[in-house]
Amino acid sequence: MPSPSDWPTHWLNPPPHAETGADGTLTLRSAAPTDFWQKTHYGFEADSGHFLHAAVAGDFVMTVHLRFRARHQYDQAGLMVRLSPACWIKTSVEHEPGGPNRLGAVVTNHGYSDWSTQDVPLSLDALWLRVRREAADYLVEWRADESQRWTQLRLARLLEDDGARAVPAGVYCCSPKAAGYEVVFDRYSLRPGRAS
């Protein structure tokens, strides 16, 4: 487990509650309405989600385990890499009352978001997420528990990324509809290089 000092230290839109535990966990509660989305289909632009990040250059592997208690539609938390308001990637489970929930990734380029999803049961309240940067390409993976192999969710390119510049990377959460969402992150790691 990471120590409290291992978490990134820079906030975009700090949440109303953020607490690091002595055991290395990070607990966040999100404000509302908060979201990250740009234009596509819904027509709105939102750049108000909570994002805790550090700048990382070169190839890296970012991994986290999270436990969540979703309450409202689209409550979400996970990993994010952000070059600008018009260019970023995030991955999470988004809550759908009545289910199933949506496990997926949003990729935003030139100020337009897309959303690839797969159904997961409402009973899923914990999982692992991983984002790998390889040059300017990003591989998004998940697994339900540590004993499983990683499953690819998405392979994408961020068009503002030249593969060398430092990019802000870390954890995020948001509540587009109403406040009250709580997520606990643990076993966060961000290491240079590629997955073996």
N, C-alpha and C. Protein backbone atom coordinates (compact mmCIF):
# COMPACT_ATOMS: atom_id res chain seq x y z
N MET A 1 0.84 -1.19 0.00
CA MET A 1 0.00 0.00 0.00
C MET A 1 0.88 1.25 0.00
N PRO A 2 0.41 2.30 -0.70
CA PRO A 2 1.18 3.53 -0.64
C PRO A 2 1.04 4.19 0.72
N SER A 3 2.03 4.97 1.09
CA SER A 3 1.89 5.80 2.28
C SER A 3 1.14 7.06 1.88
N PRO A 4 0.61 7.82 2.83
CA PRO A 4 -0.08 9.07 2.48
C PRO A 4 0.76 10.00 1.62
N SER A 5 2.07 9.96 1.77
CA SER A 5 2.93 10.86 1.00
C SER A 5 3.11 10.41 -0.44
N ASP A 6 2.66 9.20 -0.80
CA ASP A 6 2.82 8.69 -2.16
C ASP A 6 1.75 9.19 -3.12
N TRP A 7 0.68 9.78 -2.61
CA TRP A 7 -0.38 10.28 -3.48
C TRP A 7 0.08 11.54 -4.19
N PRO A 8 -0.44 11.79 -5.40
CA PRO A 8 -0.16 13.08 -6.04
C PRO A 8 -0.60 14.23 -5.13
N THR A 9 -0.13 15.42 -5.44
CA THR A 9 -0.39 16.55 -4.54
C THR A 9 -1.11 17.72 -5.22
N HIS A 10 -1.37 17.63 -6.50
CA HIS A 10 -1.97 18.76 -7.22
C HIS A 10 -3.43 18.48 -7.54
N TRP A 11 -4.29 19.43 -7.20
CA TRP A 11 -5.72 19.28 -7.45
C TRP A 11 -6.18 20.17 -8.60
N LEU A 12 -7.00 19.62 -9.47
CA LEU A 12 -7.88 20.39 -10.33
C LEU A 12 -9.27 20.24 -9.71
N ASN A 13 -9.85 21.31 -9.27
CA ASN A 13 -11.18 21.30 -8.65
C ASN A 13 -11.21 20.40 -7.40
N PRO A 14 -10.59 20.82 -6.30
CA PRO A 14 -10.59 20.00 -5.08
C PRO A 14 -12.00 19.63 -4.64
N PRO A 15 -12.19 18.42 -4.12
CA PRO A 15 -13.51 18.00 -3.64
C PRO A 15 -13.80 18.56 -2.25
N PRO A 16 -15.04 18.48 -1.80
CA PRO A 16 -15.35 18.96 -0.45
C PRO A 16 -14.74 18.10 0.65
N HIS A 17 -14.40 16.85 0.33
CA HIS A 17 -13.79 15.97 1.34
C HIS A 17 -12.71 15.12 0.68
N ALA A 18 -11.50 15.19 1.21
CA ALA A 18 -10.39 14.34 0.78
C ALA A 18 -9.57 14.01 2.01
N GLU A 19 -9.39 12.72 2.28
CA GLU A 19 -8.69 12.30 3.49
C GLU A 19 -7.77 11.13 3.19
N THR A 20 -6.52 11.26 3.57
CA THR A 20 -5.58 10.15 3.44
C THR A 20 -5.47 9.46 4.78
N GLY A 21 -5.54 8.14 4.76
CA GLY A 21 -5.43 7.36 5.98
C GLY A 21 -4.01 6.91 6.23
N ALA A 22 -3.72 6.55 7.47
CA ALA A 22 -2.39 6.06 7.82
C ALA A 22 -2.06 4.77 7.08
N ASP A 23 -3.11 4.06 6.62
CA ASP A 23 -2.91 2.82 5.88
C ASP A 23 -2.68 3.06 4.39
N GLY A 24 -2.61 4.33 3.97
CA GLY A 24 -2.35 4.64 2.57
C GLY A 24 -3.58 4.80 1.71
N THR A 25 -4.76 4.69 2.30
CA THR A 25 -5.98 4.89 1.52
C THR A 25 -6.24 6.37 1.31
N LEU A 26 -7.00 6.66 0.27
CA LEU A 26 -7.45 8.02 -0.02
C LEU A 26 -8.96 7.98 -0.20
N THR A 27 -9.68 8.70 0.67
CA THR A 27 -11.14 8.73 0.61
C THR A 27 -11.59 10.08 0.08
N LEU A 28 -12.43 10.05 -0.95
CA LEU A 28 -12.96 11.27 -1.55
C LEU A 28 -14.47 11.25 -1.53
N ARG A 29 -15.06 12.41 -1.29
CA ARG A 29 -16.50 12.62 -1.49
C ARG A 29 -16.67 13.78 -2.45
N SER A 30 -17.47 13.58 -3.47
CA SER A 30 -17.56 14.56 -4.55
C SER A 30 -18.69 15.56 -4.35
N ALA A 31 -18.48 16.74 -4.90
CA ALA A 31 -19.53 17.74 -4.97
C ALA A 31 -20.38 17.48 -6.21
N ALA A 32 -21.47 18.21 -6.34
CA ALA A 32 -22.33 18.11 -7.51
C ALA A 32 -22.87 19.49 -7.87
N PRO A 33 -23.15 19.74 -9.14
CA PRO A 33 -22.90 18.83 -10.27
C PRO A 33 -21.45 18.96 -10.74
N THR A 34 -20.75 17.85 -10.81
CA THR A 34 -19.37 17.82 -11.29
C THR A 34 -19.24 16.73 -12.33
N ASP A 35 -18.42 17.00 -13.36
CA ASP A 35 -18.26 16.02 -14.43
C ASP A 35 -17.08 16.43 -15.31
N PHE A 36 -16.62 15.47 -16.13
CA PHE A 36 -15.70 15.73 -17.23
C PHE A 36 -16.36 15.20 -18.49
N TRP A 37 -16.70 16.09 -19.41
CA TRP A 37 -17.32 15.70 -20.69
C TRP A 37 -17.24 16.89 -21.63
N GLN A 38 -17.12 16.60 -22.92
CA GLN A 38 -17.07 17.66 -23.92
C GLN A 38 -17.99 17.36 -25.11
N LYS A 39 -19.07 18.08 -25.19
CA LYS A 39 -19.94 18.28 -26.36
C LYS A 39 -20.70 17.05 -26.88
N THR A 40 -20.03 15.97 -27.22
CA THR A 40 -20.62 14.90 -28.02
C THR A 40 -21.96 14.43 -27.49
N HIS A 41 -22.93 14.32 -28.35
CA HIS A 41 -24.26 13.77 -28.13
C HIS A 41 -25.12 14.60 -27.18
N TYR A 42 -24.58 14.89 -26.00
CA TYR A 42 -25.36 15.61 -24.99
C TYR A 42 -25.31 17.12 -25.18
N GLY A 43 -24.29 17.61 -25.89
CA GLY A 43 -24.20 19.03 -26.19
C GLY A 43 -23.59 19.90 -25.11
N PHE A 44 -23.37 19.35 -23.92
CA PHE A 44 -22.83 20.19 -22.85
C PHE A 44 -21.32 20.03 -22.72
N GLU A 45 -20.71 20.99 -22.03
CA GLU A 45 -19.29 20.97 -21.74
C GLU A 45 -19.11 21.06 -20.23
N ALA A 46 -18.46 20.07 -19.65
CA ALA A 46 -18.23 20.03 -18.20
C ALA A 46 -16.76 19.76 -17.93
N ASP A 47 -16.16 20.58 -17.08
CA ASP A 47 -14.75 20.42 -16.73
C ASP A 47 -14.58 20.69 -15.24
N SER A 48 -15.53 20.15 -14.47
CA SER A 48 -15.62 20.49 -13.04
C SER A 48 -15.35 19.32 -12.11
N GLY A 49 -15.00 18.15 -12.64
CA GLY A 49 -14.71 17.00 -11.80
C GLY A 49 -13.48 17.21 -10.94
N HIS A 50 -13.31 16.36 -9.95
CA HIS A 50 -12.18 16.44 -9.01
C HIS A 50 -11.05 15.54 -9.51
N PHE A 51 -9.86 16.10 -9.69
CA PHE A 51 -8.74 15.37 -10.29
C PHE A 51 -7.48 15.64 -9.48
N LEU A 52 -6.92 14.60 -8.87
CA LEU A 52 -5.69 14.67 -8.08
C LEU A 52 -4.57 14.08 -8.93
N HIS A 53 -3.54 14.87 -9.21
CA HIS A 53 -2.60 14.44 -10.24
C HIS A 53 -1.17 14.86 -9.94
N ALA A 54 -0.26 14.21 -10.68
CA ALA A 54 1.15 14.57 -10.72
C ALA A 54 1.58 14.53 -12.17
N ALA A 55 2.56 15.35 -12.54
CA ALA A 55 3.06 15.36 -13.91
C ALA A 55 4.08 14.23 -14.09
N VAL A 56 3.89 13.46 -15.16
CA VAL A 56 4.74 12.29 -15.41
C VAL A 56 5.22 12.33 -16.86
N ALA A 57 6.52 12.19 -17.07
CA ALA A 57 7.09 12.18 -18.41
C ALA A 57 7.38 10.75 -18.85
N GLY A 58 7.34 10.53 -20.15
CA GLY A 58 7.70 9.24 -20.70
C GLY A 58 6.65 8.18 -20.47
N ASP A 59 7.02 6.94 -20.78
CA ASP A 59 6.11 5.81 -20.59
C ASP A 59 5.88 5.58 -19.10
N PHE A 60 4.66 5.15 -18.75
CA PHE A 60 4.38 4.82 -17.36
C PHE A 60 3.24 3.81 -17.28
N VAL A 61 3.12 3.21 -16.10
CA VAL A 61 2.01 2.31 -15.76
C VAL A 61 1.40 2.84 -14.47
N MET A 62 0.12 3.21 -14.53
CA MET A 62 -0.60 3.75 -13.37
C MET A 62 -1.72 2.77 -13.00
N THR A 63 -1.73 2.38 -11.73
CA THR A 63 -2.65 1.35 -11.25
C THR A 63 -3.31 1.80 -9.96
N VAL A 64 -4.58 1.42 -9.76
CA VAL A 64 -5.24 1.71 -8.50
C VAL A 64 -6.34 0.67 -8.25
N HIS A 65 -6.58 0.42 -6.98
CA HIS A 65 -7.75 -0.36 -6.55
C HIS A 65 -8.72 0.63 -5.92
N LEU A 66 -10.02 0.47 -6.20
CA LEU A 66 -10.99 1.38 -5.61
C LEU A 66 -12.23 0.65 -5.15
N ARG A 67 -12.78 1.17 -4.05
CA ARG A 67 -14.07 0.72 -3.50
C ARG A 67 -15.01 1.91 -3.49
N PHE A 68 -16.24 1.70 -3.92
CA PHE A 68 -17.12 2.84 -4.10
C PHE A 68 -18.54 2.55 -3.64
N ARG A 69 -19.23 3.62 -3.23
CA ARG A 69 -20.63 3.55 -2.82
C ARG A 69 -21.40 4.58 -3.64
N ALA A 70 -21.79 4.17 -4.83
CA ALA A 70 -22.52 5.07 -5.73
C ALA A 70 -23.96 5.22 -5.26
N ARG A 71 -24.50 6.43 -5.47
CA ARG A 71 -25.87 6.72 -5.05
C ARG A 71 -26.72 7.28 -6.16
N HIS A 72 -26.09 8.02 -7.08
CA HIS A 72 -26.86 8.73 -8.09
C HIS A 72 -26.34 8.41 -9.48
N GLN A 73 -27.18 8.61 -10.48
CA GLN A 73 -26.80 8.31 -11.85
C GLN A 73 -25.51 9.03 -12.23
N TYR A 74 -24.64 8.28 -12.88
CA TYR A 74 -23.34 8.73 -13.39
C TYR A 74 -22.30 9.00 -12.31
N ASP A 75 -22.56 8.72 -11.02
CA ASP A 75 -21.49 8.76 -10.03
C ASP A 75 -20.33 7.93 -10.57
N GLN A 76 -19.10 8.45 -10.45
CA GLN A 76 -17.97 7.76 -11.08
C GLN A 76 -16.66 8.13 -10.40
N ALA A 77 -15.70 7.23 -10.48
CA ALA A 77 -14.35 7.47 -9.96
C ALA A 77 -13.39 6.51 -10.65
N GLY A 78 -12.17 6.97 -10.82
CA GLY A 78 -11.19 6.10 -11.46
C GLY A 78 -9.89 6.83 -11.74
N LEU A 79 -9.30 6.54 -12.90
CA LEU A 79 -8.02 7.10 -13.31
C LEU A 79 -8.21 8.07 -14.46
N MET A 80 -7.32 9.05 -14.53
CA MET A 80 -7.40 10.06 -15.58
C MET A 80 -6.01 10.53 -15.98
N VAL A 81 -5.86 10.85 -17.27
CA VAL A 81 -4.69 11.55 -17.81
C VAL A 81 -5.24 12.73 -18.59
N ARG A 82 -4.70 13.92 -18.34
CA ARG A 82 -5.29 15.14 -18.90
C ARG A 82 -4.20 16.06 -19.43
N LEU A 83 -4.26 16.34 -20.72
CA LEU A 83 -3.33 17.29 -21.31
C LEU A 83 -3.91 18.70 -21.34
N SER A 84 -5.22 18.80 -21.51
CA SER A 84 -5.91 20.09 -21.55
C SER A 84 -7.40 19.82 -21.40
N PRO A 85 -8.22 20.87 -21.28
CA PRO A 85 -9.67 20.65 -21.23
C PRO A 85 -10.21 19.97 -22.49
N ALA A 86 -9.47 20.07 -23.60
CA ALA A 86 -9.92 19.51 -24.87
C ALA A 86 -9.29 18.16 -25.20
N CYS A 87 -8.40 17.66 -24.31
CA CYS A 87 -7.67 16.42 -24.62
C CYS A 87 -7.36 15.66 -23.34
N TRP A 88 -8.07 14.54 -23.12
CA TRP A 88 -7.87 13.75 -21.91
C TRP A 88 -8.49 12.36 -22.07
N ILE A 89 -8.17 11.49 -21.11
CA ILE A 89 -8.76 10.15 -21.05
C ILE A 89 -9.09 9.85 -19.59
N LYS A 90 -10.24 9.22 -19.37
CA LYS A 90 -10.61 8.78 -18.01
C LYS A 90 -11.22 7.39 -18.11
N THR A 91 -11.12 6.64 -17.03
CA THR A 91 -11.73 5.32 -16.96
C THR A 91 -12.35 5.12 -15.59
N SER A 92 -13.53 4.49 -15.56
CA SER A 92 -14.27 4.34 -14.31
C SER A 92 -15.45 3.40 -14.51
N VAL A 93 -16.17 3.16 -13.42
CA VAL A 93 -17.51 2.58 -13.47
C VAL A 93 -18.49 3.73 -13.22
N GLU A 94 -19.45 3.89 -14.12
CA GLU A 94 -20.48 4.92 -13.94
C GLU A 94 -21.78 4.25 -13.51
N HIS A 95 -22.37 4.81 -12.48
CA HIS A 95 -23.55 4.21 -11.86
C HIS A 95 -24.81 4.48 -12.66
N GLU A 96 -25.60 3.42 -12.83
CA GLU A 96 -26.92 3.52 -13.45
C GLU A 96 -27.94 2.92 -12.50
N PRO A 97 -28.77 3.73 -11.84
CA PRO A 97 -29.79 3.17 -10.94
C PRO A 97 -30.66 2.17 -11.69
N GLY A 98 -30.85 1.03 -11.09
CA GLY A 98 -31.58 -0.04 -11.77
C GLY A 98 -30.69 -0.94 -12.58
N GLY A 99 -29.49 -0.49 -12.86
CA GLY A 99 -28.44 -1.27 -13.47
C GLY A 99 -28.74 -1.73 -14.89
N PRO A 100 -27.75 -2.35 -15.53
CA PRO A 100 -26.39 -2.54 -15.02
C PRO A 100 -25.58 -1.25 -15.06
N ASN A 101 -24.49 -1.22 -14.25
CA ASN A 101 -23.56 -0.11 -14.31
C ASN A 101 -22.74 -0.19 -15.59
N ARG A 102 -22.00 0.89 -15.88
CA ARG A 102 -21.21 0.94 -17.10
C ARG A 102 -19.74 1.11 -16.77
N LEU A 103 -18.96 0.09 -17.09
CA LEU A 103 -17.51 0.15 -16.99
C LEU A 103 -16.98 0.63 -18.33
N GLY A 104 -16.16 1.65 -18.31
CA GLY A 104 -15.71 2.13 -19.61
C GLY A 104 -14.62 3.16 -19.55
N ALA A 105 -14.42 3.79 -20.70
CA ALA A 105 -13.41 4.82 -20.84
C ALA A 105 -13.97 5.93 -21.73
N VAL A 106 -13.63 7.16 -21.37
CA VAL A 106 -13.94 8.32 -22.20
C VAL A 106 -12.63 8.89 -22.73
N VAL A 107 -12.58 9.07 -24.04
CA VAL A 107 -11.42 9.68 -24.69
C VAL A 107 -11.89 10.99 -25.32
N THR A 108 -11.19 12.08 -25.04
CA THR A 108 -11.55 13.39 -25.56
C THR A 108 -10.39 13.94 -26.38
N ASN A 109 -10.69 14.23 -27.64
CA ASN A 109 -9.73 14.84 -28.56
C ASN A 109 -10.41 15.98 -29.31
N HIS A 110 -9.67 17.07 -29.52
CA HIS A 110 -10.20 18.25 -30.23
C HIS A 110 -11.50 18.75 -29.60
N GLY A 111 -11.66 18.55 -28.28
CA GLY A 111 -12.82 19.07 -27.58
C GLY A 111 -14.09 18.26 -27.77
N TYR A 112 -13.97 16.99 -28.21
CA TYR A 112 -15.13 16.11 -28.34
C TYR A 112 -14.84 14.79 -27.62
N SER A 113 -15.78 14.36 -26.78
CA SER A 113 -15.63 13.13 -26.00
C SER A 113 -16.31 11.96 -26.69
N ASP A 114 -15.73 10.79 -26.54
CA ASP A 114 -16.45 9.56 -26.87
C ASP A 114 -16.45 8.66 -25.64
N TRP A 115 -17.37 7.73 -25.59
CA TRP A 115 -17.57 6.90 -24.40
C TRP A 115 -17.77 5.45 -24.83
N SER A 116 -16.79 4.61 -24.56
CA SER A 116 -16.93 3.17 -24.81
C SER A 116 -17.24 2.49 -23.48
N THR A 117 -18.22 1.57 -23.49
CA THR A 117 -18.69 0.97 -22.24
C THR A 117 -18.92 -0.53 -22.40
N GLN A 118 -18.97 -1.18 -21.25
CA GLN A 118 -19.48 -2.54 -21.16
C GLN A 118 -20.24 -2.66 -19.84
N ASP A 119 -21.27 -3.48 -19.85
CA ASP A 119 -22.11 -3.63 -18.66
C ASP A 119 -21.38 -4.41 -17.58
N VAL A 120 -21.57 -3.98 -16.34
CA VAL A 120 -21.12 -4.72 -15.17
C VAL A 120 -22.26 -4.70 -14.15
N PRO A 121 -22.35 -5.71 -13.28
CA PRO A 121 -23.49 -5.78 -12.36
C PRO A 121 -23.48 -4.67 -11.32
N LEU A 122 -24.67 -4.31 -10.86
CA LEU A 122 -24.80 -3.31 -9.80
C LEU A 122 -24.08 -3.74 -8.54
N SER A 123 -23.94 -5.05 -8.33
CA SER A 123 -23.30 -5.56 -7.12
C SER A 123 -21.79 -5.29 -7.10
N LEU A 124 -21.20 -4.97 -8.25
CA LEU A 124 -19.77 -4.68 -8.29
C LEU A 124 -19.50 -3.36 -7.57
N ASP A 125 -18.77 -3.42 -6.46
CA ASP A 125 -18.48 -2.21 -5.68
C ASP A 125 -16.99 -2.02 -5.43
N ALA A 126 -16.15 -2.79 -6.14
CA ALA A 126 -14.70 -2.65 -6.04
C ALA A 126 -14.08 -3.24 -7.29
N LEU A 127 -12.95 -2.67 -7.72
CA LEU A 127 -12.24 -3.21 -8.87
C LEU A 127 -10.87 -2.56 -8.97
N TRP A 128 -10.06 -3.07 -9.89
CA TRP A 128 -8.75 -2.52 -10.22
C TRP A 128 -8.82 -1.85 -11.58
N LEU A 129 -8.13 -0.72 -11.73
CA LEU A 129 -7.99 -0.04 -13.02
C LEU A 129 -6.52 0.21 -13.29
N ARG A 130 -6.17 0.19 -14.58
CA ARG A 130 -4.78 0.45 -14.96
C ARG A 130 -4.76 1.24 -16.27
N VAL A 131 -3.92 2.28 -16.32
CA VAL A 131 -3.68 3.03 -17.55
C VAL A 131 -2.19 2.96 -17.85
N ARG A 132 -1.86 2.57 -19.08
CA ARG A 132 -0.47 2.48 -19.51
C ARG A 132 -0.22 3.49 -20.62
N ARG A 133 0.79 4.32 -20.44
CA ARG A 133 1.21 5.23 -21.52
C ARG A 133 2.41 4.62 -22.22
N GLU A 134 2.28 4.46 -23.52
CA GLU A 134 3.36 3.96 -24.35
C GLU A 134 3.50 4.93 -25.53
N ALA A 135 4.51 5.79 -25.47
CA ALA A 135 4.65 6.92 -26.39
C ALA A 135 3.42 7.80 -26.24
N ALA A 136 2.66 8.03 -27.33
CA ALA A 136 1.45 8.85 -27.22
C ALA A 136 0.19 8.00 -27.15
N ASP A 137 0.35 6.69 -26.99
CA ASP A 137 -0.79 5.78 -26.93
C ASP A 137 -1.10 5.41 -25.49
N TYR A 138 -2.39 5.14 -25.24
CA TYR A 138 -2.85 4.81 -23.89
C TYR A 138 -3.65 3.52 -23.93
N LEU A 139 -3.27 2.58 -23.06
CA LEU A 139 -3.99 1.32 -22.92
C LEU A 139 -4.70 1.34 -21.57
N VAL A 140 -5.99 1.11 -21.62
CA VAL A 140 -6.83 1.12 -20.42
C VAL A 140 -7.27 -0.30 -20.13
N GLU A 141 -7.04 -0.76 -18.88
CA GLU A 141 -7.32 -2.15 -18.51
C GLU A 141 -8.01 -2.20 -17.15
N TRP A 142 -8.66 -3.34 -16.89
CA TRP A 142 -9.33 -3.51 -15.59
C TRP A 142 -9.29 -4.98 -15.19
N ARG A 143 -9.57 -5.22 -13.91
CA ARG A 143 -9.82 -6.57 -13.40
C ARG A 143 -10.65 -6.44 -12.13
N ALA A 144 -11.44 -7.47 -11.86
CA ALA A 144 -12.32 -7.43 -10.70
C ALA A 144 -11.55 -7.67 -9.41
N ASP A 145 -10.51 -8.51 -9.46
CA ASP A 145 -9.70 -8.73 -8.26
C ASP A 145 -8.27 -9.03 -8.67
N GLU A 146 -7.39 -9.04 -7.69
CA GLU A 146 -5.96 -9.13 -7.94
C GLU A 146 -5.53 -10.46 -8.55
N SER A 147 -6.35 -11.48 -8.40
CA SER A 147 -5.99 -12.80 -8.92
C SER A 147 -6.24 -12.94 -10.41
N GLN A 148 -6.98 -12.01 -11.00
CA GLN A 148 -7.33 -12.10 -12.42
C GLN A 148 -6.29 -11.42 -13.30
N ARG A 149 -6.31 -11.81 -14.57
CA ARG A 149 -5.49 -11.14 -15.56
C ARG A 149 -6.16 -9.82 -15.95
N TRP A 150 -5.34 -8.88 -16.40
CA TRP A 150 -5.87 -7.60 -16.87
C TRP A 150 -6.64 -7.81 -18.18
N THR A 151 -7.77 -7.13 -18.30
CA THR A 151 -8.59 -7.16 -19.51
C THR A 151 -8.58 -5.76 -20.14
N GLN A 152 -8.29 -5.71 -21.42
CA GLN A 152 -8.23 -4.41 -22.09
C GLN A 152 -9.63 -3.85 -22.31
N LEU A 153 -9.79 -2.57 -21.95
CA LEU A 153 -11.02 -1.83 -22.21
C LEU A 153 -10.89 -0.93 -23.43
N ARG A 154 -9.70 -0.37 -23.62
CA ARG A 154 -9.55 0.65 -24.66
C ARG A 154 -8.09 0.81 -25.03
N LEU A 155 -7.85 1.07 -26.29
CA LEU A 155 -6.55 1.51 -26.78
C LEU A 155 -6.81 2.79 -27.55
N ALA A 156 -6.14 3.88 -27.18
CA ALA A 156 -6.45 5.18 -27.79
C ALA A 156 -5.22 6.05 -27.83
N ARG A 157 -5.29 7.07 -28.64
CA ARG A 157 -4.23 8.09 -28.71
C ARG A 157 -4.81 9.42 -28.28
N LEU A 158 -4.03 10.18 -27.52
CA LEU A 158 -4.39 11.56 -27.19
C LEU A 158 -3.62 12.47 -28.16
N LEU A 159 -4.36 13.21 -28.96
CA LEU A 159 -3.76 13.88 -30.11
C LEU A 159 -2.89 15.08 -29.74
N GLU A 160 -3.02 15.59 -28.51
CA GLU A 160 -2.12 16.66 -28.08
C GLU A 160 -0.81 16.13 -27.48
N ASP A 161 -0.70 14.81 -27.37
CA ASP A 161 0.46 14.19 -26.72
C ASP A 161 1.51 13.86 -27.77
N ASP A 162 2.74 14.31 -27.55
CA ASP A 162 3.84 13.96 -28.45
C ASP A 162 4.62 12.75 -27.96
N GLY A 163 4.18 12.16 -26.83
CA GLY A 163 4.83 10.96 -26.31
C GLY A 163 5.99 11.24 -25.40
N ALA A 164 6.41 12.49 -25.31
CA ALA A 164 7.59 12.84 -24.50
C ALA A 164 7.27 13.82 -23.39
N ARG A 165 6.34 14.71 -23.61
CA ARG A 165 6.05 15.75 -22.62
C ARG A 165 5.49 15.14 -21.34
N ALA A 166 5.66 15.83 -20.24
CA ALA A 166 5.07 15.39 -18.98
C ALA A 166 3.56 15.63 -19.04
N VAL A 167 2.80 14.66 -18.57
CA VAL A 167 1.34 14.77 -18.59
C VAL A 167 0.80 14.60 -17.17
N PRO A 168 -0.23 15.35 -16.80
CA PRO A 168 -0.86 15.15 -15.50
C PRO A 168 -1.62 13.83 -15.47
N ALA A 169 -1.34 12.99 -14.48
CA ALA A 169 -1.96 11.67 -14.36
C ALA A 169 -2.31 11.42 -12.90
N GLY A 170 -3.46 10.77 -12.65
CA GLY A 170 -3.84 10.47 -11.28
C GLY A 170 -5.26 9.96 -11.18
N VAL A 171 -5.88 10.18 -10.03
CA VAL A 171 -7.22 9.68 -9.75
C VAL A 171 -8.23 10.82 -9.84
N TYR A 172 -9.48 10.44 -10.13
CA TYR A 172 -10.53 11.46 -10.24
C TYR A 172 -11.84 10.89 -9.72
N CYS A 173 -12.78 11.79 -9.43
CA CYS A 173 -14.16 11.40 -9.15
C CYS A 173 -15.08 12.56 -9.48
N CYS A 174 -16.34 12.26 -9.72
CA CYS A 174 -17.33 13.30 -9.94
C CYS A 174 -18.74 12.76 -9.78
N SER A 175 -19.66 13.68 -9.60
CA SER A 175 -21.08 13.38 -9.40
C SER A 175 -21.91 14.34 -10.26
N PRO A 176 -22.25 13.94 -11.48
CA PRO A 176 -22.97 14.83 -12.37
C PRO A 176 -24.37 15.21 -11.88
N LYS A 177 -25.02 14.33 -11.11
CA LYS A 177 -26.42 14.56 -10.75
C LYS A 177 -26.62 15.12 -9.35
N ALA A 178 -26.01 14.49 -8.35
CA ALA A 178 -26.24 14.91 -6.96
C ALA A 178 -25.05 14.49 -6.11
N ALA A 179 -24.84 15.19 -4.99
CA ALA A 179 -23.70 14.92 -4.11
C ALA A 179 -23.95 13.68 -3.25
N GLY A 180 -22.89 13.21 -2.62
CA GLY A 180 -23.01 12.10 -1.69
C GLY A 180 -22.21 10.87 -2.07
N TYR A 181 -21.55 10.90 -3.22
CA TYR A 181 -20.76 9.76 -3.68
C TYR A 181 -19.46 9.70 -2.88
N GLU A 182 -19.10 8.49 -2.43
CA GLU A 182 -17.85 8.29 -1.70
C GLU A 182 -17.06 7.16 -2.34
N VAL A 183 -15.76 7.38 -2.49
CA VAL A 183 -14.87 6.37 -3.06
C VAL A 183 -13.62 6.29 -2.21
N VAL A 184 -13.11 5.07 -2.05
CA VAL A 184 -11.86 4.84 -1.33
C VAL A 184 -10.87 4.24 -2.32
N PHE A 185 -9.77 4.94 -2.56
CA PHE A 185 -8.69 4.46 -3.41
C PHE A 185 -7.60 3.85 -2.53
N ASP A 186 -7.04 2.74 -2.99
CA ASP A 186 -5.86 2.21 -2.31
C ASP A 186 -4.97 1.50 -3.33
N ARG A 187 -3.81 1.10 -2.87
CA ARG A 187 -2.81 0.40 -3.68
C ARG A 187 -2.51 1.14 -4.99
N TYR A 188 -2.45 2.45 -4.88
CA TYR A 188 -2.12 3.29 -6.04
C TYR A 188 -0.63 3.19 -6.34
N SER A 189 -0.30 3.05 -7.60
CA SER A 189 1.11 3.10 -8.01
C SER A 189 1.23 3.78 -9.36
N LEU A 190 2.30 4.50 -9.53
CA LEU A 190 2.61 5.17 -10.79
C LEU A 190 4.10 4.99 -11.01
N ARG A 191 4.44 4.09 -11.92
CA ARG A 191 5.86 3.77 -12.12
C ARG A 191 6.26 3.99 -13.56
N PRO A 192 7.50 4.40 -13.79
CA PRO A 192 7.97 4.63 -15.14
C PRO A 192 8.17 3.33 -15.91
N GLY A 193 8.16 3.43 -17.23
CA GLY A 193 8.40 2.28 -18.09
C GLY A 193 7.12 1.63 -18.57
N ARG A 194 7.27 0.44 -19.13
CA ARG A 194 6.14 -0.29 -19.69
C ARG A 194 5.88 -1.55 -18.89
N ALA A 195 4.66 -2.08 -19.03
CA ALA A 195 4.31 -3.31 -18.33
C ALA A 195 5.11 -4.46 -18.92
N SER A 196 5.57 -5.36 -18.06
CA SER A 196 6.36 -6.49 -18.54
C SER A 196 5.47 -7.61 -19.01
